[in-house]
PDB file of N, CA and C in Angstrom:
ATOM      1  N   UNK A   1      13.227   9.922-118.717  1.00  0.00           N
ATOM      2  CA  UNK A   1      12.045   9.138-118.494  1.00  0.00           C
ATOM      3  C   UNK A   1      11.215   9.768-117.387  1.00  0.00           C
ATOM      4  N   UNK A   2      10.799  10.992-117.574  1.00  0.00           N
ATOM      5  CA  UNK A   2      10.080  11.697-116.536  1.00  0.00           C
ATOM      6  C   UNK A   2       8.641  11.232-116.384  1.00  0.00           C
ATOM      7  N   UNK A   3       8.129  10.415-117.284  1.00  0.00           N
ATOM      8  CA  UNK A   3       6.766   9.934-117.141  1.00  0.00           C
ATOM      9  C   UNK A   3       6.712   8.486-116.656  1.00  0.00           C
ATOM     10  N   UNK A   4       7.792   8.003-116.075  1.00  0.00           N
ATOM     11  CA  UNK A   4       7.836   6.649-115.525  1.00  0.00           C
ATOM     12  C   UNK A   4       7.877   6.747-114.011  1.00  0.00           C
ATOM     13  N   UNK A   5       7.036   5.991-113.355  1.00  0.00           N
ATOM     14  CA  UNK A   5       6.994   5.977-111.901  1.00  0.00           C
ATOM     15  C   UNK A   5       7.321   4.566-111.438  1.00  0.00           C
ATOM     16  N   UNK A   6       8.345   4.400-110.612  1.00  0.00           N
ATOM     17  CA  UNK A   6       8.677   3.096-110.049  1.00  0.00           C
ATOM     18  C   UNK A   6       7.897   2.918-108.753  1.00  0.00           C
ATOM     19  N   UNK A   7       7.248   1.806-108.600  1.00  0.00           N
ATOM     20  CA  UNK A   7       6.439   1.532-107.420  1.00  0.00           C
ATOM     21  C   UNK A   7       6.810   0.172-106.844  1.00  0.00           C
ATOM     22  N   UNK A   8       6.529  -0.001-105.586  1.00  0.00           N
ATOM     23  CA  UNK A   8       6.648  -1.327-104.989  1.00  0.00           C
ATOM     24  C   UNK A   8       5.323  -1.635-104.347  1.00  0.00           C
ATOM     25  N   UNK A   9       4.716  -2.709-104.740  1.00  0.00           N
ATOM     26  CA  UNK A   9       3.421  -3.105-104.220  1.00  0.00           C
ATOM     27  C   UNK A   9       3.636  -4.286-103.288  1.00  0.00           C
ATOM     28  N   UNK A  10       3.634  -4.026-101.987  1.00  0.00           N
ATOM     29  CA  UNK A  10       3.920  -5.081-101.010  1.00  0.00           C
ATOM     30  C   UNK A  10       2.850  -6.174-101.035  1.00  0.00           C
ATOM     31  N   UNK A  11       1.625  -5.817-101.342  1.00  0.00           N
ATOM     32  CA  UNK A  11       0.535  -6.796-101.365  1.00  0.00           C
ATOM     33  C   UNK A  11       0.766  -7.833-102.464  1.00  0.00           C
ATOM     34  N   UNK A  12       1.278  -7.395-103.606  1.00  0.00           N
ATOM     35  CA  UNK A  12       1.479  -8.317-104.716  1.00  0.00           C
ATOM     36  C   UNK A  12       2.914  -8.815-104.821  1.00  0.00           C
ATOM     37  N   UNK A  13       3.802  -8.276-104.022  1.00  0.00           N
ATOM     38  CA  UNK A  13       5.196  -8.726-103.970  1.00  0.00           C
ATOM     39  C   UNK A  13       5.866  -8.707-105.342  1.00  0.00           C
ATOM     40  N   UNK A  14       5.705  -7.610-106.046  1.00  0.00           N
ATOM     41  CA  UNK A  14       6.405  -7.459-107.323  1.00  0.00           C
ATOM     42  C   UNK A  14       6.670  -5.983-107.564  1.00  0.00           C
ATOM     43  N   UNK A  15       7.741  -5.711-108.268  1.00  0.00           N
ATOM     44  CA  UNK A  15       8.070  -4.328-108.587  1.00  0.00           C
ATOM     45  C   UNK A  15       7.220  -3.877-109.760  1.00  0.00           C
ATOM     46  N   UNK A  16       6.772  -2.625-109.706  1.00  0.00           N
ATOM     47  CA  UNK A  16       5.874  -2.107-110.725  1.00  0.00           C
ATOM     48  C   UNK A  16       6.446  -0.853-111.358  1.00  0.00           C
ATOM     49  N   UNK A  17       6.098  -0.626-112.587  1.00  0.00           N
ATOM     50  CA  UNK A  17       6.493   0.583-113.295  1.00  0.00           C
ATOM     51  C   UNK A  17       5.316   1.019-114.151  1.00  0.00           C
ATOM     52  N   UNK A  18       4.910   2.281-114.026  1.00  0.00           N
ATOM     53  CA  UNK A  18       3.802   2.815-114.830  1.00  0.00           C
ATOM     54  C   UNK A  18       4.358   3.710-115.923  1.00  0.00           C
ATOM     55  N   UNK A  19       3.716   3.640-117.086  1.00  0.00           N
ATOM     56  CA  UNK A  19       4.232   4.389-118.225  1.00  0.00           C
ATOM     57  C   UNK A  19       3.085   4.722-119.175  1.00  0.00           C
ATOM     58  N   UNK A  20       2.997   5.981-119.601  1.00  0.00           N
ATOM     59  CA  UNK A  20       2.042   6.369-120.642  1.00  0.00           C
ATOM     60  C   UNK A  20       2.647   6.011-121.988  1.00  0.00           C
ATOM     61  N   UNK A  21       1.914   5.269-122.818  1.00  0.00           N
ATOM     62  CA  UNK A  21       2.417   4.925-124.149  1.00  0.00           C
ATOM     63  C   UNK A  21       1.326   5.192-125.185  1.00  0.00           C
ATOM     64  N   UNK A  22       1.761   5.495-126.395  1.00  0.00           N
ATOM     65  CA  UNK A  22       0.845   5.689-127.515  1.00  0.00           C
ATOM     66  C   UNK A  22       0.418   4.324-128.051  1.00  0.00           C
ATOM     67  N   UNK A  23      -0.719   4.285-128.709  1.00  0.00           N
ATOM     68  CA  UNK A  23      -1.188   3.026-129.286  1.00  0.00           C
ATOM     69  C   UNK A  23      -0.257   2.512-130.376  1.00  0.00           C
ATOM     70  N   UNK A  24       0.510   3.392-130.989  1.00  0.00           N
ATOM     71  CA  UNK A  24       1.423   2.971-132.057  1.00  0.00           C
ATOM     72  C   UNK A  24       2.700   2.334-131.517  1.00  0.00           C
ATOM     73  N   UNK A  25       2.960   2.460-130.221  1.00  0.00           N
ATOM     74  CA  UNK A  25       4.189   1.909-129.650  1.00  0.00           C
ATOM     75  C   UNK A  25       4.059   0.407-129.419  1.00  0.00           C
ATOM     76  N   UNK A  26       5.151  -0.278-129.713  1.00  0.00           N
ATOM     77  CA  UNK A  26       5.236  -1.704-129.415  1.00  0.00           C
ATOM     78  C   UNK A  26       6.050  -1.869-128.144  1.00  0.00           C
ATOM     79  N   UNK A  27       5.704  -2.858-127.351  1.00  0.00           N
ATOM     80  CA  UNK A  27       6.420  -3.149-126.115  1.00  0.00           C
ATOM     81  C   UNK A  27       7.317  -4.340-126.407  1.00  0.00           C
ATOM     82  N   UNK A  28       8.618  -4.098-126.494  1.00  0.00           N
ATOM     83  CA  UNK A  28       9.582  -5.154-126.790  1.00  0.00           C
ATOM     84  C   UNK A  28      10.042  -5.737-125.459  1.00  0.00           C
ATOM     85  N   UNK A  29       9.858  -7.036-125.290  1.00  0.00           N
ATOM     86  CA  UNK A  29      10.170  -7.730-124.046  1.00  0.00           C
ATOM     87  C   UNK A  29      11.423  -8.561-124.277  1.00  0.00           C
ATOM     88  N   UNK A  30      12.444  -8.322-123.474  1.00  0.00           N
ATOM     89  CA  UNK A  30      13.716  -9.031-123.614  1.00  0.00           C
ATOM     90  C   UNK A  30      14.075  -9.689-122.289  1.00  0.00           C
ATOM     91  N   UNK A  31      14.168 -11.011-122.290  1.00  0.00           N
ATOM     92  CA  UNK A  31      14.568 -11.743-121.101  1.00  0.00           C
ATOM     93  C   UNK A  31      16.061 -11.990-121.104  1.00  0.00           C
ATOM     94  N   UNK A  32      16.487 -12.859-120.202  1.00  0.00           N
ATOM     95  CA  UNK A  32      17.914 -13.177-120.116  1.00  0.00           C
ATOM     96  C   UNK A  32      18.355 -14.135-121.211  1.00  0.00           C
ATOM     97  N   UNK A  33      17.404 -14.913-121.758  1.00  0.00           N
ATOM     98  CA  UNK A  33      17.729 -15.877-122.799  1.00  0.00           C
ATOM     99  C   UNK A  33      17.022 -15.505-124.093  1.00  0.00           C
ATOM    100  N   UNK A  34      17.493 -16.066-125.189  1.00  0.00           N
ATOM    101  CA  UNK A  34      16.924 -15.788-126.509  1.00  0.00           C
ATOM    102  C   UNK A  34      15.438 -16.137-126.578  1.00  0.00           C
ATOM    103  N   UNK A  35      15.049 -17.253-125.939  1.00  0.00           N
ATOM    104  CA  UNK A  35      13.654 -17.690-126.012  1.00  0.00           C
ATOM    105  C   UNK A  35      12.745 -16.953-125.031  1.00  0.00           C
ATOM    106  N   UNK A  36      13.272 -15.961-124.325  1.00  0.00           N
ATOM    107  CA  UNK A  36      12.479 -15.117-123.436  1.00  0.00           C
ATOM    108  C   UNK A  36      12.339 -13.727-124.050  1.00  0.00           C
ATOM    109  N   UNK A  37      11.867 -13.685-125.284  1.00  0.00           N
ATOM    110  CA  UNK A  37      11.718 -12.410-125.986  1.00  0.00           C
ATOM    111  C   UNK A  37      10.404 -12.408-126.750  1.00  0.00           C
ATOM    112  N   UNK A  38       9.820 -11.229-126.862  1.00  0.00           N
ATOM    113  CA  UNK A  38       8.575 -11.095-127.604  1.00  0.00           C
ATOM    114  C   UNK A  38       8.240  -9.636-127.812  1.00  0.00           C
ATOM    115  N   UNK A  39       7.222  -9.395-128.617  1.00  0.00           N
ATOM    116  CA  UNK A  39       6.750  -8.037-128.883  1.00  0.00           C
ATOM    117  C   UNK A  39       5.258  -8.006-128.582  1.00  0.00           C
ATOM    118  N   UNK A  40       4.860  -7.072-127.722  1.00  0.00           N
ATOM    119  CA  UNK A  40       3.463  -6.909-127.340  1.00  0.00           C
ATOM    120  C   UNK A  40       2.962  -5.575-127.868  1.00  0.00           C
ATOM    121  N   UNK A  41       1.819  -5.596-128.529  1.00  0.00           N
ATOM    122  CA  UNK A  41       1.190  -4.351-128.970  1.00  0.00           C
ATOM    123  C   UNK A  41      -0.248  -4.353-128.471  1.00  0.00           C
ATOM    124  N   UNK A  42      -0.751  -3.160-128.180  1.00  0.00           N
ATOM    125  CA  UNK A  42      -2.137  -3.019-127.741  1.00  0.00           C
ATOM    126  C   UNK A  42      -2.773  -1.902-128.542  1.00  0.00           C
ATOM    127  N   UNK A  43      -3.860  -2.229-129.233  1.00  0.00           N
ATOM    128  CA  UNK A  43      -4.538  -1.253-130.077  1.00  0.00           C
ATOM    129  C   UNK A  43      -6.029  -1.240-129.749  1.00  0.00           C
ATOM    130  N   UNK A  44      -6.683  -0.093-129.944  1.00  0.00           N
ATOM    131  CA  UNK A  44      -8.126  -0.031-129.682  1.00  0.00           C
ATOM    132  C   UNK A  44      -8.877  -1.021-130.570  1.00  0.00           C
ATOM    133  N   UNK A  45      -9.893  -1.666-129.987  1.00  0.00           N
ATOM    134  CA  UNK A  45     -10.670  -2.628-130.780  1.00  0.00           C
ATOM    135  C   UNK A  45     -12.165  -2.343-130.699  1.00  0.00           C
ATOM    136  N   UNK A  46     -12.497  -1.111-130.359  1.00  0.00           N
ATOM    137  CA  UNK A  46     -13.903  -0.729-130.297  1.00  0.00           C
ATOM    138  C   UNK A  46     -14.395  -0.595-128.871  1.00  0.00           C
ATOM    139  N   UNK A  47     -15.214   0.400-128.653  1.00  0.00           N
ATOM    140  CA  UNK A  47     -15.723   0.632-127.301  1.00  0.00           C
ATOM    141  C   UNK A  47     -14.592   0.995-126.362  1.00  0.00           C
ATOM    142  N   UNK A  48     -14.548   0.346-125.234  1.00  0.00           N
ATOM    143  CA  UNK A  48     -13.521   0.608-124.228  1.00  0.00           C
ATOM    144  C   UNK A  48     -12.544  -0.559-124.136  1.00  0.00           C
ATOM    145  N   UNK A  49     -12.410  -1.335-125.216  1.00  0.00           N
ATOM    146  CA  UNK A  49     -11.546  -2.510-125.185  1.00  0.00           C
ATOM    147  C   UNK A  49     -10.306  -2.306-126.047  1.00  0.00           C
ATOM    148  N   UNK A  50      -9.294  -3.102-125.739  1.00  0.00           N
ATOM    149  CA  UNK A  50      -8.038  -3.094-126.487  1.00  0.00           C
ATOM    150  C   UNK A  50      -7.747  -4.512-126.959  1.00  0.00           C
ATOM    151  N   UNK A  51      -7.098  -4.614-128.107  1.00  0.00           N
ATOM    152  CA  UNK A  51      -6.625  -5.898-128.599  1.00  0.00           C
ATOM    153  C   UNK A  51      -5.150  -5.999-128.251  1.00  0.00           C
ATOM    154  N   UNK A  52      -4.810  -6.946-127.379  1.00  0.00           N
ATOM    155  CA  UNK A  52      -3.411  -7.198-127.022  1.00  0.00           C
ATOM    156  C   UNK A  52      -2.902  -8.313-127.926  1.00  0.00           C
ATOM    157  N   UNK A  53      -1.803  -8.056-128.621  1.00  0.00           N
ATOM    158  CA  UNK A  53      -1.228  -9.029-129.550  1.00  0.00           C
ATOM    159  C   UNK A  53       0.229  -9.261-129.164  1.00  0.00           C
ATOM    160  N   UNK A  54       0.564 -10.514-128.843  1.00  0.00           N
ATOM    161  CA  UNK A  54       1.924 -10.892-128.462  1.00  0.00           C
ATOM    162  C   UNK A  54       2.522 -11.749-129.562  1.00  0.00           C
ATOM    163  N   UNK A  55       3.683 -11.334-130.082  1.00  0.00           N
ATOM    164  CA  UNK A  55       4.419 -12.107-131.086  1.00  0.00           C
ATOM    165  C   UNK A  55       5.666 -12.679-130.430  1.00  0.00           C
ATOM    166  N   UNK A  56       5.813 -14.005-130.513  1.00  0.00           N
ATOM    167  CA  UNK A  56       6.945 -14.692-129.895  1.00  0.00           C
ATOM    168  C   UNK A  56       7.478 -15.722-130.875  1.00  0.00           C
ATOM    169  N   UNK A  57       8.684 -15.530-131.365  1.00  0.00           N
ATOM    170  CA  UNK A  57       9.383 -16.478-132.233  1.00  0.00           C
ATOM    171  C   UNK A  57       8.429 -17.201-133.189  1.00  0.00           C
ATOM    172  N   UNK A  58       7.784 -16.451-134.067  1.00  0.00           N
ATOM    173  CA  UNK A  58       6.937 -17.041-135.094  1.00  0.00           C
ATOM    174  C   UNK A  58       5.495 -17.309-134.688  1.00  0.00           C
ATOM    175  N   UNK A  59       5.184 -17.267-133.413  1.00  0.00           N
ATOM    176  CA  UNK A  59       3.808 -17.469-132.952  1.00  0.00           C
ATOM    177  C   UNK A  59       3.187 -16.136-132.579  1.00  0.00           C
ATOM    178  N   UNK A  60       1.868 -16.071-132.684  1.00  0.00           N
ATOM    179  CA  UNK A  60       1.161 -14.847-132.321  1.00  0.00           C
ATOM    180  C   UNK A  60      -0.059 -15.214-131.485  1.00  0.00           C
ATOM    181  N   UNK A  61      -0.258 -14.456-130.396  1.00  0.00           N
ATOM    182  CA  UNK A  61      -1.372 -14.688-129.483  1.00  0.00           C
ATOM    183  C   UNK A  61      -2.137 -13.383-129.325  1.00  0.00           C
ATOM    184  N   UNK A  62      -3.470 -13.472-129.235  1.00  0.00           N
ATOM    185  CA  UNK A  62      -4.301 -12.280-129.098  1.00  0.00           C
ATOM    186  C   UNK A  62      -5.247 -12.431-127.922  1.00  0.00           C
ATOM    187  N   UNK A  63      -5.555 -11.294-127.296  1.00  0.00           N
ATOM    188  CA  UNK A  63      -6.506 -11.278-126.189  1.00  0.00           C
ATOM    189  C   UNK A  63      -7.159  -9.901-126.136  1.00  0.00           C
ATOM    190  N   UNK A  64      -8.448  -9.854-125.857  1.00  0.00           N
ATOM    191  CA  UNK A  64      -9.164  -8.592-125.680  1.00  0.00           C
ATOM    192  C   UNK A  64      -9.082  -8.216-124.204  1.00  0.00           C
ATOM    193  N   UNK A  65      -8.682  -6.968-123.922  1.00  0.00           N
ATOM    194  CA  UNK A  65      -8.580  -6.495-122.539  1.00  0.00           C
ATOM    195  C   UNK A  65      -9.310  -5.165-122.398  1.00  0.00           C
ATOM    196  N   UNK A  66      -9.717  -4.880-121.184  1.00  0.00           N
ATOM    197  CA  UNK A  66     -10.330  -3.596-120.850  1.00  0.00           C
ATOM    198  C   UNK A  66      -9.478  -2.934-119.784  1.00  0.00           C
ATOM    199  N   UNK A  67      -9.592  -1.619-119.603  1.00  0.00           N
ATOM    200  CA  UNK A  67      -8.813  -0.951-118.561  1.00  0.00           C
ATOM    201  C   UNK A  67      -9.038  -1.628-117.208  1.00  0.00           C
ATOM    202  N   UNK A  68      -7.939  -1.865-116.499  1.00  0.00           N
ATOM    203  CA  UNK A  68      -7.991  -2.544-115.208  1.00  0.00           C
ATOM    204  C   UNK A  68      -7.656  -4.015-115.299  1.00  0.00           C
ATOM    205  N   UNK A  69      -7.685  -4.587-116.503  1.00  0.00           N
ATOM    206  CA  UNK A  69      -7.350  -5.997-116.667  1.00  0.00           C
ATOM    207  C   UNK A  69      -5.847  -6.170-116.868  1.00  0.00           C
ATOM    208  N   UNK A  70      -5.369  -7.373-116.551  1.00  0.00           N
ATOM    209  CA  UNK A  70      -3.959  -7.710-116.711  1.00  0.00           C
ATOM    210  C   UNK A  70      -3.765  -8.610-117.919  1.00  0.00           C
ATOM    211  N   UNK A  71      -2.615  -8.450-118.563  1.00  0.00           N
ATOM    212  CA  UNK A  71      -2.137  -9.390-119.567  1.00  0.00           C
ATOM    213  C   UNK A  71      -0.877  -9.998-118.973  1.00  0.00           C
ATOM    214  N   UNK A  72      -0.877 -11.297-118.755  1.00  0.00           N
ATOM    215  CA  UNK A  72       0.284 -11.963-118.180  1.00  0.00           C
ATOM    216  C   UNK A  72       1.060 -12.641-119.296  1.00  0.00           C
ATOM    217  N   UNK A  73       2.329 -12.273-119.430  1.00  0.00           N
ATOM    218  CA  UNK A  73       3.207 -12.846-120.444  1.00  0.00           C
ATOM    219  C   UNK A  73       4.162 -13.792-119.732  1.00  0.00           C
ATOM    220  N   UNK A  74       4.111 -15.070-120.089  1.00  0.00           N
ATOM    221  CA  UNK A  74       5.029 -16.059-119.515  1.00  0.00           C
ATOM    222  C   UNK A  74       5.913 -16.578-120.641  1.00  0.00           C
ATOM    223  N   UNK A  75       7.199 -16.364-120.493  1.00  0.00           N
ATOM    224  CA  UNK A  75       8.161 -16.806-121.503  1.00  0.00           C
ATOM    225  C   UNK A  75       9.193 -17.693-120.826  1.00  0.00           C
ATOM    226  N   UNK A  76       9.115 -18.979-121.062  1.00  0.00           N
ATOM    227  CA  UNK A  76      10.070 -19.944-120.524  1.00  0.00           C
ATOM    228  C   UNK A  76      10.252 -19.800-119.013  1.00  0.00           C
ATOM    229  N   UNK A  77       9.177 -19.683-118.292  1.00  0.00           N
ATOM    230  CA  UNK A  77       9.245 -19.638-116.833  1.00  0.00           C
ATOM    231  C   UNK A  77       9.324 -18.251-116.242  1.00  0.00           C
ATOM    232  N   UNK A  78       9.761 -17.268-117.002  1.00  0.00           N
ATOM    233  CA  UNK A  78       9.787 -15.885-116.510  1.00  0.00           C
ATOM    234  C   UNK A  78       8.409 -15.277-116.763  1.00  0.00           C
ATOM    235  N   UNK A  79       8.010 -14.361-115.892  1.00  0.00           N
ATOM    236  CA  UNK A  79       6.656 -13.815-115.981  1.00  0.00           C
ATOM    237  C   UNK A  79       6.678 -12.296-115.930  1.00  0.00           C
ATOM    238  N   UNK A  80       5.888 -11.682-116.786  1.00  0.00           N
ATOM    239  CA  UNK A  80       5.708 -10.236-116.829  1.00  0.00           C
ATOM    240  C   UNK A  80       4.213  -9.970-116.860  1.00  0.00           C
ATOM    241  N   UNK A  81       3.747  -9.062-115.997  1.00  0.00           N
ATOM    242  CA  UNK A  81       2.336  -8.694-115.967  1.00  0.00           C
ATOM    243  C   UNK A  81       2.214  -7.280-116.512  1.00  0.00           C
ATOM    244  N   UNK A  82       1.365  -7.094-117.519  1.00  0.00           N
ATOM    245  CA  UNK A  82       1.111  -5.782-118.108  1.00  0.00           C
ATOM    246  C   UNK A  82      -0.353  -5.451-117.829  1.00  0.00           C
ATOM    247  N   UNK A  83      -0.582  -4.374-117.084  1.00  0.00           N
ATOM    248  CA  UNK A  83      -1.941  -3.962-116.728  1.00  0.00           C
ATOM    249  C   UNK A  83      -2.268  -2.648-117.410  1.00  0.00           C
ATOM    250  N   UNK A  84      -3.450  -2.559-117.970  1.00  0.00           N
ATOM    251  CA  UNK A  84      -3.930  -1.305-118.552  1.00  0.00           C
ATOM    252  C   UNK A  84      -4.667  -0.568-117.445  1.00  0.00           C
ATOM    253  N   UNK A  85      -4.132   0.579-117.018  1.00  0.00           N
ATOM    254  CA  UNK A  85      -4.703   1.326-115.897  1.00  0.00           C
ATOM    255  C   UNK A  85      -5.623   2.455-116.341  1.00  0.00           C
ATOM    256  N   UNK A  86      -5.366   3.037-117.510  1.00  0.00           N
ATOM    257  CA  UNK A  86      -6.199   4.134-118.009  1.00  0.00           C
ATOM    258  C   UNK A  86      -6.075   4.192-119.524  1.00  0.00           C
ATOM    259  N   UNK A  87      -7.121   4.685-120.164  1.00  0.00           N
ATOM    260  CA  UNK A  87      -7.139   4.809-121.619  1.00  0.00           C
ATOM    261  C   UNK A  87      -7.572   6.220-121.968  1.00  0.00           C
ATOM    262  N   UNK A  88      -6.818   6.858-122.859  1.00  0.00           N
ATOM    263  CA  UNK A  88      -7.193   8.159-123.403  1.00  0.00           C
ATOM    264  C   UNK A  88      -7.346   8.003-124.908  1.00  0.00           C
ATOM    265  N   UNK A  89      -7.650   9.082-125.591  1.00  0.00           N
ATOM    266  CA  UNK A  89      -7.927   8.998-127.025  1.00  0.00           C
ATOM    267  C   UNK A  89      -6.750   8.450-127.825  1.00  0.00           C
ATOM    268  N   UNK A  90      -5.523   8.872-127.517  1.00  0.00           N
ATOM    269  CA  UNK A  90      -4.378   8.435-128.315  1.00  0.00           C
ATOM    270  C   UNK A  90      -3.283   7.751-127.504  1.00  0.00           C
ATOM    271  N   UNK A  91      -3.551   7.456-126.229  1.00  0.00           N
ATOM    272  CA  UNK A  91      -2.535   6.786-125.415  1.00  0.00           C
ATOM    273  C   UNK A  91      -3.199   6.030-124.260  1.00  0.00           C
ATOM    274  N   UNK A  92      -2.398   5.203-123.589  1.00  0.00           N
ATOM    275  CA  UNK A  92      -2.887   4.438-122.446  1.00  0.00           C
ATOM    276  C   UNK A  92      -1.813   4.404-121.367  1.00  0.00           C
ATOM    277  N   UNK A  93      -2.249   4.239-120.142  1.00  0.00           N
ATOM    278  CA  UNK A  93      -1.340   4.096-119.012  1.00  0.00           C
ATOM    279  C   UNK A  93      -1.222   2.611-118.725  1.00  0.00           C
ATOM    280  N   UNK A  94      -0.019   2.069-118.897  1.00  0.00           N
ATOM    281  CA  UNK A  94       0.204   0.655-118.615  1.00  0.00           C
ATOM    282  C   UNK A  94       1.123   0.532-117.414  1.00  0.00           C
ATOM    283  N   UNK A  95       0.970  -0.572-116.726  1.00  0.00           N
ATOM    284  CA  UNK A  95       1.783  -0.854-115.546  1.00  0.00           C
ATOM    285  C   UNK A  95       2.465  -2.191-115.781  1.00  0.00           C
ATOM    286  N   UNK A  96       3.778  -2.204-115.673  1.00  0.00           N
ATOM    287  CA  UNK A  96       4.549  -3.430-115.832  1.00  0.00           C
ATOM    288  C   UNK A  96       4.893  -3.945-114.441  1.00  0.00           C
ATOM    289  N   UNK A  97       4.721  -5.223-114.220  1.00  0.00           N
ATOM    290  CA  UNK A  97       5.054  -5.810-112.930  1.00  0.00           C
ATOM    291  C   UNK A  97       5.648  -7.191-113.111  1.00  0.00           C
ATOM    292  N   UNK A  98       6.498  -7.576-112.158  1.00  0.00           N
ATOM    293  CA  UNK A  98       7.124  -8.884-112.202  1.00  0.00           C
ATOM    294  C   UNK A  98       7.201  -9.485-110.821  1.00  0.00           C
ATOM    295  N   UNK A  99       6.894 -10.769-110.693  1.00  0.00           N
ATOM    296  CA  UNK A  99       7.115 -11.427-109.415  1.00  0.00           C
ATOM    297  C   UNK A  99       8.610 -11.601-109.175  1.00  0.00           C
ATOM    298  N   UNK A 100       9.025 -11.789-107.929  1.00  0.00           N
ATOM    299  CA  UNK A 100      10.447 -12.010-107.649  1.00  0.00           C
ATOM    300  C   UNK A 100      10.979 -13.188-108.467  1.00  0.00           C
ATOM    301  N   UNK A 101      12.185 -13.038-108.966  1.00  0.00           N
ATOM    302  CA  UNK A 101      12.826 -14.093-109.741  1.00  0.00           C
ATOM    303  C   UNK A 101      12.724 -13.914-111.244  1.00  0.00           C
ATOM    304  N   UNK A 102      11.754 -13.139-111.714  1.00  0.00           N
ATOM    305  CA  UNK A 102      11.646 -12.881-113.151  1.00  0.00           C
ATOM    306  C   UNK A 102      12.520 -11.694-113.512  1.00  0.00           C
ATOM    307  N   UNK A 103      13.198 -11.778-114.638  1.00  0.00           N
ATOM    308  CA  UNK A 103      14.063 -10.689-115.093  1.00  0.00           C
ATOM    309  C   UNK A 103      13.749 -10.386-116.551  1.00  0.00           C
ATOM    310  N   UNK A 104      13.405  -9.125-116.809  1.00  0.00           N
ATOM    311  CA  UNK A 104      13.117  -8.680-118.164  1.00  0.00           C
ATOM    312  C   UNK A 104      13.632  -7.269-118.354  1.00  0.00           C
ATOM    313  N   UNK A 105      13.894  -6.923-119.596  1.00  0.00           N
ATOM    314  CA  UNK A 105      14.068  -5.530-119.997  1.00  0.00           C
ATOM    315  C   UNK A 105      12.900  -5.230-120.927  1.00  0.00           C
ATOM    316  N   UNK A 106      12.335  -4.043-120.767  1.00  0.00           N
ATOM    317  CA  UNK A 106      11.213  -3.622-121.590  1.00  0.00           C
ATOM    318  C   UNK A 106      11.675  -2.430-122.413  1.00  0.00           C
ATOM    319  N   UNK A 107      11.483  -2.503-123.720  1.00  0.00           N
ATOM    320  CA  UNK A 107      11.811  -1.361-124.574  1.00  0.00           C
ATOM    321  C   UNK A 107      10.537  -0.917-125.273  1.00  0.00           C
ATOM    322  N   UNK A 108      10.281   0.379-125.229  1.00  0.00           N
ATOM    323  CA  UNK A 108       9.133   0.936-125.924  1.00  0.00           C
ATOM    324  C   UNK A 108       9.599   1.377-127.296  1.00  0.00           C
ATOM    325  N   UNK A 109       9.077   0.751-128.325  1.00  0.00           N
ATOM    326  CA  UNK A 109       9.541   0.944-129.693  1.00  0.00           C
ATOM    327  C   UNK A 109       8.528   1.789-130.458  1.00  0.00           C
ATOM    328  N   UNK A 110       8.959   2.972-130.862  1.00  0.00           N
ATOM    329  CA  UNK A 110       8.103   3.865-131.646  1.00  0.00           C
ATOM    330  C   UNK A 110       8.989   4.635-132.602  1.00  0.00           C
ATOM    331  N   UNK A 111       8.461   5.690-133.168  1.00  0.00           N
ATOM    332  CA  UNK A 111       9.251   6.512-134.080  1.00  0.00           C
ATOM    333  C   UNK A 111      10.250   7.377-133.330  1.00  0.00           C
ATOM    334  N   UNK A 112      10.050   7.547-132.033  1.00  0.00           N
ATOM    335  CA  UNK A 112      10.969   8.334-131.218  1.00  0.00           C
ATOM    336  C   UNK A 112      12.100   7.435-130.741  1.00  0.00           C
ATOM    337  N   UNK A 113      13.191   8.018-130.217  1.00  0.00           N
ATOM    338  CA  UNK A 113      14.254   7.186-129.666  1.00  0.00           C
ATOM    339  C   UNK A 113      13.700   6.257-128.590  1.00  0.00           C
ATOM    340  N   UNK A 114      14.142   5.016-128.610  1.00  0.00           N
ATOM    341  CA  UNK A 114      13.605   4.008-127.698  1.00  0.00           C
ATOM    342  C   UNK A 114      14.031   4.268-126.261  1.00  0.00           C
ATOM    343  N   UNK A 115      13.107   4.023-125.344  1.00  0.00           N
ATOM    344  CA  UNK A 115      13.405   4.067-123.922  1.00  0.00           C
ATOM    345  C   UNK A 115      13.441   2.628-123.436  1.00  0.00           C
ATOM    346  N   UNK A 116      14.338   2.326-122.518  1.00  0.00           N
ATOM    347  CA  UNK A 116      14.431   0.979-121.986  1.00  0.00           C
ATOM    348  C   UNK A 116      14.192   1.014-120.491  1.00  0.00           C
ATOM    349  N   UNK A 117      13.308   0.150-120.027  1.00  0.00           N
ATOM    350  CA  UNK A 117      13.043  -0.007-118.609  1.00  0.00           C
ATOM    351  C   UNK A 117      13.704  -1.304-118.176  1.00  0.00           C
ATOM    352  N   UNK A 118      14.494  -1.267-117.125  1.00  0.00           N
ATOM    353  CA  UNK A 118      15.191  -2.465-116.648  1.00  0.00           C
ATOM    354  C   UNK A 118      14.528  -2.973-115.381  1.00  0.00           C
ATOM    355  N   UNK A 119      14.283  -4.259-115.326  1.00  0.00           N
ATOM    356  CA  UNK A 119      13.757  -4.907-114.134  1.00  0.00           C
ATOM    357  C   UNK A 119      14.748  -5.970-113.715  1.00  0.00           C
ATOM    358  N   UNK A 120      15.052  -6.043-112.436  1.00  0.00           N
ATOM    359  CA  UNK A 120      15.954  -7.091-111.946  1.00  0.00           C
ATOM    360  C   UNK A 120      15.248  -7.931-110.923  1.00  0.00           C
TER     361      UNK A 120
END
């Protein structure tokens, strides 16, 4: 995972991880419980915007985001913040962050072998 940078942002009091991902990759979110799971995808939607789509146990939620905006995923009290930091033609730089007390594993799902990011 040479393209992952672990950061600590004292101002926001949450651990951060930056990762370049392709638009075809899905972000699989796994919490400690079954009901803390979902799949987030972000695809270009024209101009400089992205369509963020979260699928959670039969429900689907959509939001339009631009680089620099956050998508906050709350699953049964646990919280994950996904920020789009940069956009290129075929990939984007996303930053995953969590406030203290939230626990998630993030798996990037694509045609390549999956990478898993662990947050405690």
